């Protein structure tokens, strides 16, 4: 499993899709999974407001996707997760139980102004000012701690400048991974 982690607007989904195509493996986007699975009601409103959904909903959904992977080739690209410490702990437990193979985590580093510009240009319904502010706060308060937690649990995390042009970022990630395998 290759994790793509970063601030909202860092290009996680673009890089995740590109990487999965180059490596011929599955791409799992937690955000896409949630948008497909939750079509109405309070949960959808919470998600569109930029709030995190409860781990009791997210982890089983993620677990179900992992079980769909080819048993021989568990390699996949996961973008947008883990977003909570409980999700990070669950991933570490899956790794230690040998239910997943872990290759590396790629931390796409992008400045807040650049990420905000990208999100506004993207224009999804959940890319409103309040939701963007909450996602930036989540990054500083939660995601950075998750990255440190992963490092403490022997997950290799590579820092990549996500502000470079997307093809340059993709090539940098591929170069990193060629040495990580």
C-alpha atoms as a PDB file:
ATOM      1  CA  UNK A   1       0.000   0.000   0.000  1.00  0.00           C
ATOM      2  CA  UNK A   2       1.180   3.460  -0.887  1.00  0.00           C
ATOM      3  CA  UNK A   3      -0.399   6.277   1.108  1.00  0.00           C
ATOM      4  CA  UNK A   4      -0.790   9.725  -0.415  1.00  0.00           C
ATOM      5  CA  UNK A   5      -1.139  12.241   2.412  1.00  0.00           C
ATOM      6  CA  UNK A   6      -1.291  16.027   2.444  1.00  0.00           C
ATOM      7  CA  UNK A   7      -3.297  19.155   2.932  1.00  0.00           C
ATOM      8  CA  UNK A   8      -6.570  19.429   1.053  1.00  0.00           C
ATOM      9  CA  UNK A   9      -5.732  20.698  -2.435  1.00  0.00           C
ATOM     10  CA  UNK A  10      -2.236  19.168  -2.471  1.00  0.00           C
ATOM     11  CA  UNK A  11      -3.082  17.007  -5.489  1.00  0.00           C
ATOM     12  CA  UNK A  12      -3.539  13.698  -3.659  1.00  0.00           C
ATOM     13  CA  UNK A  13      -6.234  12.365  -5.977  1.00  0.00           C
ATOM     14  CA  UNK A  14      -4.446  13.370  -9.181  1.00  0.00           C
ATOM     15  CA  UNK A  15      -1.180  11.848  -7.996  1.00  0.00           C
ATOM     16  CA  UNK A  16      -2.964   8.782  -6.611  1.00  0.00           C
ATOM     17  CA  UNK A  17      -4.739   8.071  -9.903  1.00  0.00           C
ATOM     18  CA  UNK A  18      -1.561   8.702 -11.895  1.00  0.00           C
ATOM     19  CA  UNK A  19       0.490   6.465  -9.638  1.00  0.00           C
ATOM     20  CA  UNK A  20      -2.044   3.629  -9.711  1.00  0.00           C
ATOM     21  CA  UNK A  21      -2.049   3.737 -13.525  1.00  0.00           C
ATOM     22  CA  UNK A  22       1.758   3.730 -13.720  1.00  0.00           C
ATOM     23  CA  UNK A  23       2.026   0.850 -11.220  1.00  0.00           C
ATOM     24  CA  UNK A  24      -1.016  -0.998 -12.583  1.00  0.00           C
ATOM     25  CA  UNK A  25      -2.604  -1.306  -9.155  1.00  0.00           C
ATOM     26  CA  UNK A  26      -5.826  -0.235  -7.473  1.00  0.00           C
ATOM     27  CA  UNK A  27      -6.508   3.351  -6.460  1.00  0.00           C
ATOM     28  CA  UNK A  28      -8.656   3.894  -3.385  1.00  0.00           C
ATOM     29  CA  UNK A  29      -9.787   7.428  -2.620  1.00  0.00           C
ATOM     30  CA  UNK A  30     -11.492   7.725   0.734  1.00  0.00           C
ATOM     31  CA  UNK A  31     -13.188  10.959  -0.347  1.00  0.00           C
ATOM     32  CA  UNK A  32     -14.560   9.365  -3.524  1.00  0.00           C
ATOM     33  CA  UNK A  33     -15.722   6.304  -1.593  1.00  0.00           C
ATOM     34  CA  UNK A  34     -17.576   8.480   0.885  1.00  0.00           C
ATOM     35  CA  UNK A  35     -19.142  10.678  -1.810  1.00  0.00           C
ATOM     36  CA  UNK A  36     -20.358   7.530  -3.630  1.00  0.00           C
ATOM     37  CA  UNK A  37     -21.597   5.773  -0.485  1.00  0.00           C
ATOM     38  CA  UNK A  38     -23.394   8.661   1.189  1.00  0.00           C
ATOM     39  CA  UNK A  39     -26.042  10.114  -1.068  1.00  0.00           C
ATOM     40  CA  UNK A  40     -28.371  11.996   1.243  1.00  0.00           C
ATOM     41  CA  UNK A  41     -29.245  13.069   4.745  1.00  0.00           C
ATOM     42  CA  UNK A  42     -27.305  14.443   7.660  1.00  0.00           C
ATOM     43  CA  UNK A  43     -24.100  12.539   6.858  1.00  0.00           C
ATOM     44  CA  UNK A  44     -23.927  14.064   3.381  1.00  0.00           C
ATOM     45  CA  UNK A  45     -24.490  17.536   4.861  1.00  0.00           C
ATOM     46  CA  UNK A  46     -21.723  16.921   7.398  1.00  0.00           C
ATOM     47  CA  UNK A  47     -19.358  15.785   4.671  1.00  0.00           C
ATOM     48  CA  UNK A  48     -20.174  18.754   2.418  1.00  0.00           C
ATOM     49  CA  UNK A  49     -19.517  21.076   5.364  1.00  0.00           C
ATOM     50  CA  UNK A  50     -16.004  19.641   5.558  1.00  0.00           C
ATOM     51  CA  UNK A  51     -16.551  17.676   8.775  1.00  0.00           C
ATOM     52  CA  UNK A  52     -15.014  14.274   9.303  1.00  0.00           C
ATOM     53  CA  UNK A  53     -17.388  11.348   9.417  1.00  0.00           C
ATOM     54  CA  UNK A  54     -17.315   8.909  12.313  1.00  0.00           C
ATOM     55  CA  UNK A  55     -14.674   6.186  12.165  1.00  0.00           C
ATOM     56  CA  UNK A  56     -17.373   3.581  12.823  1.00  0.00           C
ATOM     57  CA  UNK A  57     -18.643   4.375   9.312  1.00  0.00           C
ATOM     58  CA  UNK A  58     -15.325   5.042   7.569  1.00  0.00           C
ATOM     59  CA  UNK A  59     -13.190   2.094   8.738  1.00  0.00           C
ATOM     60  CA  UNK A  60     -15.680  -0.653   7.705  1.00  0.00           C
ATOM     61  CA  UNK A  61     -16.116   1.047   4.324  1.00  0.00           C
ATOM     62  CA  UNK A  62     -12.367   1.155   3.856  1.00  0.00           C
ATOM     63  CA  UNK A  63     -11.973  -2.440   5.087  1.00  0.00           C
ATOM     64  CA  UNK A  64     -14.552  -3.596   2.535  1.00  0.00           C
ATOM     65  CA  UNK A  65     -12.574  -1.914  -0.277  1.00  0.00           C
ATOM     66  CA  UNK A  66      -9.322  -3.513   0.853  1.00  0.00           C
ATOM     67  CA  UNK A  67     -10.940  -6.948   0.821  1.00  0.00           C
ATOM     68  CA  UNK A  68     -11.787  -6.448  -2.859  1.00  0.00           C
ATOM     69  CA  UNK A  69      -8.098  -6.290  -3.774  1.00  0.00           C
ATOM     70  CA  UNK A  70      -6.455  -9.215  -5.498  1.00  0.00           C
ATOM     71  CA  UNK A  71      -5.247 -11.575  -2.770  1.00  0.00           C
ATOM     72  CA  UNK A  72      -1.864 -12.022  -4.477  1.00  0.00           C
ATOM     73  CA  UNK A  73      -1.262  -8.345  -5.146  1.00  0.00           C
ATOM     74  CA  UNK A  74      -2.367  -6.265  -2.201  1.00  0.00           C
ATOM     75  CA  UNK A  75      -0.545  -3.219  -3.579  1.00  0.00           C
ATOM     76  CA  UNK A  76      -2.783  -0.222  -3.930  1.00  0.00           C
ATOM     77  CA  UNK A  77      -2.618   3.533  -3.737  1.00  0.00           C
ATOM     78  CA  UNK A  78      -4.668   5.028  -0.926  1.00  0.00           C
ATOM     79  CA  UNK A  79      -5.371   8.727  -1.039  1.00  0.00           C
ATOM     80  CA  UNK A  80      -7.044  10.853   1.588  1.00  0.00           C
ATOM     81  CA  UNK A  81      -6.611   8.430   4.439  1.00  0.00           C
ATOM     82  CA  UNK A  82      -5.873   8.085   7.263  1.00  0.00           C
ATOM     83  CA  UNK A  83      -7.674  11.250   8.371  1.00  0.00           C
ATOM     84  CA  UNK A  84      -8.035  10.359  12.045  1.00  0.00           C
ATOM     85  CA  UNK A  85      -5.746   8.751  14.586  1.00  0.00           C
ATOM     86  CA  UNK A  86      -8.178   5.808  14.843  1.00  0.00           C
ATOM     87  CA  UNK A  87      -7.832   5.222  11.079  1.00  0.00           C
ATOM     88  CA  UNK A  88      -4.032   5.415  11.374  1.00  0.00           C
ATOM     89  CA  UNK A  89      -4.048   2.948  14.274  1.00  0.00           C
ATOM     90  CA  UNK A  90      -6.312   0.621  12.278  1.00  0.00           C
ATOM     91  CA  UNK A  91      -3.899   0.755   9.307  1.00  0.00           C
ATOM     92  CA  UNK A  92      -0.932  -0.049  11.558  1.00  0.00           C
ATOM     93  CA  UNK A  93      -2.874  -2.984  13.030  1.00  0.00           C
ATOM     94  CA  UNK A  94      -3.710  -4.267   9.521  1.00  0.00           C
ATOM     95  CA  UNK A  95      -0.050  -3.989   8.550  1.00  0.00           C
ATOM     96  CA  UNK A  96       1.182  -5.793  11.664  1.00  0.00           C
ATOM     97  CA  UNK A  97      -1.408  -8.551  11.115  1.00  0.00           C
ATOM     98  CA  UNK A  98      -0.055  -8.848   7.540  1.00  0.00           C
ATOM     99  CA  UNK A  99      -3.449  -8.017   6.074  1.00  0.00           C
ATOM    100  CA  UNK A 100      -1.902  -5.211   4.045  1.00  0.00           C
ATOM    101  CA  UNK A 101       1.493  -4.690   2.478  1.00  0.00           C
ATOM    102  CA  UNK A 102       2.982  -1.251   3.116  1.00  0.00           C
ATOM    103  CA  UNK A 103       5.423   0.290   0.650  1.00  0.00           C
ATOM    104  CA  UNK A 104       5.599   3.988   1.579  1.00  0.00           C
ATOM    105  CA  UNK A 105       3.699   7.121   2.470  1.00  0.00           C
ATOM    106  CA  UNK A 106       4.060  10.178   0.258  1.00  0.00           C
ATOM    107  CA  UNK A 107       3.447  13.471   2.048  1.00  0.00           C
ATOM    108  CA  UNK A 108       2.607  16.080  -0.604  1.00  0.00           C
ATOM    109  CA  UNK A 109       3.692  19.423   0.827  1.00  0.00           C
ATOM    110  CA  UNK A 110       1.805  22.445  -0.515  1.00  0.00           C
ATOM    111  CA  UNK A 111       1.463  25.906   1.029  1.00  0.00           C
ATOM    112  CA  UNK A 112      -1.952  26.929   2.308  1.00  0.00           C
ATOM    113  CA  UNK A 113      -2.344  29.770  -0.264  1.00  0.00           C
ATOM    114  CA  UNK A 114      -1.569  27.401  -3.153  1.00  0.00           C
ATOM    115  CA  UNK A 115      -3.884  24.714  -1.783  1.00  0.00           C
ATOM    116  CA  UNK A 116      -6.689  27.262  -1.311  1.00  0.00           C
ATOM    117  CA  UNK A 117      -6.244  28.496  -4.908  1.00  0.00           C
ATOM    118  CA  UNK A 118      -6.458  24.932  -6.219  1.00  0.00           C
ATOM    119  CA  UNK A 119      -9.550  24.119  -4.160  1.00  0.00           C
ATOM    120  CA  UNK A 120     -11.386  27.231  -5.321  1.00  0.00           C
ATOM    121  CA  UNK A 121     -10.529  26.390  -8.955  1.00  0.00           C
ATOM    122  CA  UNK A 122     -11.673  22.783  -8.450  1.00  0.00           C
ATOM    123  CA  UNK A 123     -15.094  24.050  -7.399  1.00  0.00           C
ATOM    124  CA  UNK A 124     -16.642  20.979  -5.776  1.00  0.00           C
ATOM    125  CA  UNK A 125     -19.721  21.611  -3.594  1.00  0.00           C
ATOM    126  CA  UNK A 126     -17.674  20.808  -0.476  1.00  0.00           C
ATOM    127  CA  UNK A 127     -14.987  23.340  -1.461  1.00  0.00           C
ATOM    128  CA  UNK A 128     -16.637  26.308   0.232  1.00  0.00           C
ATOM    129  CA  UNK A 129     -14.683  28.729   2.431  1.00  0.00           C
ATOM    130  CA  UNK A 130     -15.818  27.257   5.767  1.00  0.00           C
ATOM    131  CA  UNK A 131     -15.117  23.665   4.692  1.00  0.00           C
ATOM    132  CA  UNK A 132     -11.695  24.632   3.333  1.00  0.00           C
ATOM    133  CA  UNK A 133     -10.817  26.380   6.610  1.00  0.00           C
ATOM    134  CA  UNK A 134     -11.851  23.271   8.570  1.00  0.00           C
ATOM    135  CA  UNK A 135      -9.765  20.983   6.351  1.00  0.00           C
ATOM    136  CA  UNK A 136      -6.699  23.215   6.807  1.00  0.00           C
ATOM    137  CA  UNK A 137      -7.227  23.173  10.572  1.00  0.00           C
ATOM    138  CA  UNK A 138      -7.601  19.368  10.452  1.00  0.00           C
ATOM    139  CA  UNK A 139      -4.317  19.120   8.554  1.00  0.00           C
ATOM    140  CA  UNK A 140      -2.425  21.131  11.163  1.00  0.00           C
ATOM    141  CA  UNK A 141      -4.069  19.532  14.194  1.00  0.00           C
ATOM    142  CA  UNK A 142      -4.510  15.926  13.032  1.00  0.00           C
ATOM    143  CA  UNK A 143      -2.751  14.972   9.808  1.00  0.00           C
ATOM    144  CA  UNK A 144       0.686  16.170  10.945  1.00  0.00           C
ATOM    145  CA  UNK A 145       0.286  14.062  14.120  1.00  0.00           C
ATOM    146  CA  UNK A 146      -0.777  11.064  12.015  1.00  0.00           C
ATOM    147  CA  UNK A 147       2.345  11.427   9.872  1.00  0.00           C
ATOM    148  CA  UNK A 148       4.479  11.442  13.039  1.00  0.00           C
ATOM    149  CA  UNK A 149       2.550   8.406  14.354  1.00  0.00           C
ATOM    150  CA  UNK A 150       3.182   6.500  11.119  1.00  0.00           C
ATOM    151  CA  UNK A 151       6.900   7.316  11.308  1.00  0.00           C
ATOM    152  CA  UNK A 152       7.059   6.109  14.928  1.00  0.00           C
ATOM    153  CA  UNK A 153       5.445   2.854  13.780  1.00  0.00           C
ATOM    154  CA  UNK A 154       8.100   2.203  11.137  1.00  0.00           C
ATOM    155  CA  UNK A 155       6.139   3.494   8.156  1.00  0.00           C
ATOM    156  CA  UNK A 156       8.473   5.247   5.730  1.00  0.00           C
ATOM    157  CA  UNK A 157       7.184   8.735   4.896  1.00  0.00           C
ATOM    158  CA  UNK A 158       8.677  10.718   2.008  1.00  0.00           C
ATOM    159  CA  UNK A 159       8.185  14.479   1.737  1.00  0.00           C
ATOM    160  CA  UNK A 160       7.479  15.688  -1.813  1.00  0.00           C
ATOM    161  CA  UNK A 161       7.045  19.262  -3.013  1.00  0.00           C
ATOM    162  CA  UNK A 162       3.469  19.189  -4.317  1.00  0.00           C
ATOM    163  CA  UNK A 163       3.688  22.713  -5.758  1.00  0.00           C
ATOM    164  CA  UNK A 164       5.761  21.588  -8.743  1.00  0.00           C
ATOM    165  CA  UNK A 165       3.861  20.863 -11.986  1.00  0.00           C
ATOM    166  CA  UNK A 166       1.858  17.609 -11.641  1.00  0.00           C
ATOM    167  CA  UNK A 167       4.013  15.585 -14.093  1.00  0.00           C
ATOM    168  CA  UNK A 168       7.158  16.632 -12.193  1.00  0.00           C
ATOM    169  CA  UNK A 169       5.562  15.584  -8.889  1.00  0.00           C
ATOM    170  CA  UNK A 170       4.490  12.241 -10.399  1.00  0.00           C
ATOM    171  CA  UNK A 171       8.012  11.556 -11.686  1.00  0.00           C
ATOM    172  CA  UNK A 172       9.495  12.446  -8.287  1.00  0.00           C
ATOM    173  CA  UNK A 173       7.112  10.018  -6.559  1.00  0.00           C
ATOM    174  CA  UNK A 174       7.945   7.250  -9.044  1.00  0.00           C
ATOM    175  CA  UNK A 175      11.669   7.844  -8.503  1.00  0.00           C
ATOM    176  CA  UNK A 176      11.206   7.631  -4.718  1.00  0.00           C
ATOM    177  CA  UNK A 177       9.157   4.451  -4.984  1.00  0.00           C
ATOM    178  CA  UNK A 178      11.628   2.758  -7.317  1.00  0.00           C
ATOM    179  CA  UNK A 179      14.126   2.947  -4.458  1.00  0.00           C
ATOM    180  CA  UNK A 180      11.556   1.970  -1.796  1.00  0.00           C
ATOM    181  CA  UNK A 181      10.547  -1.364  -3.277  1.00  0.00           C
END
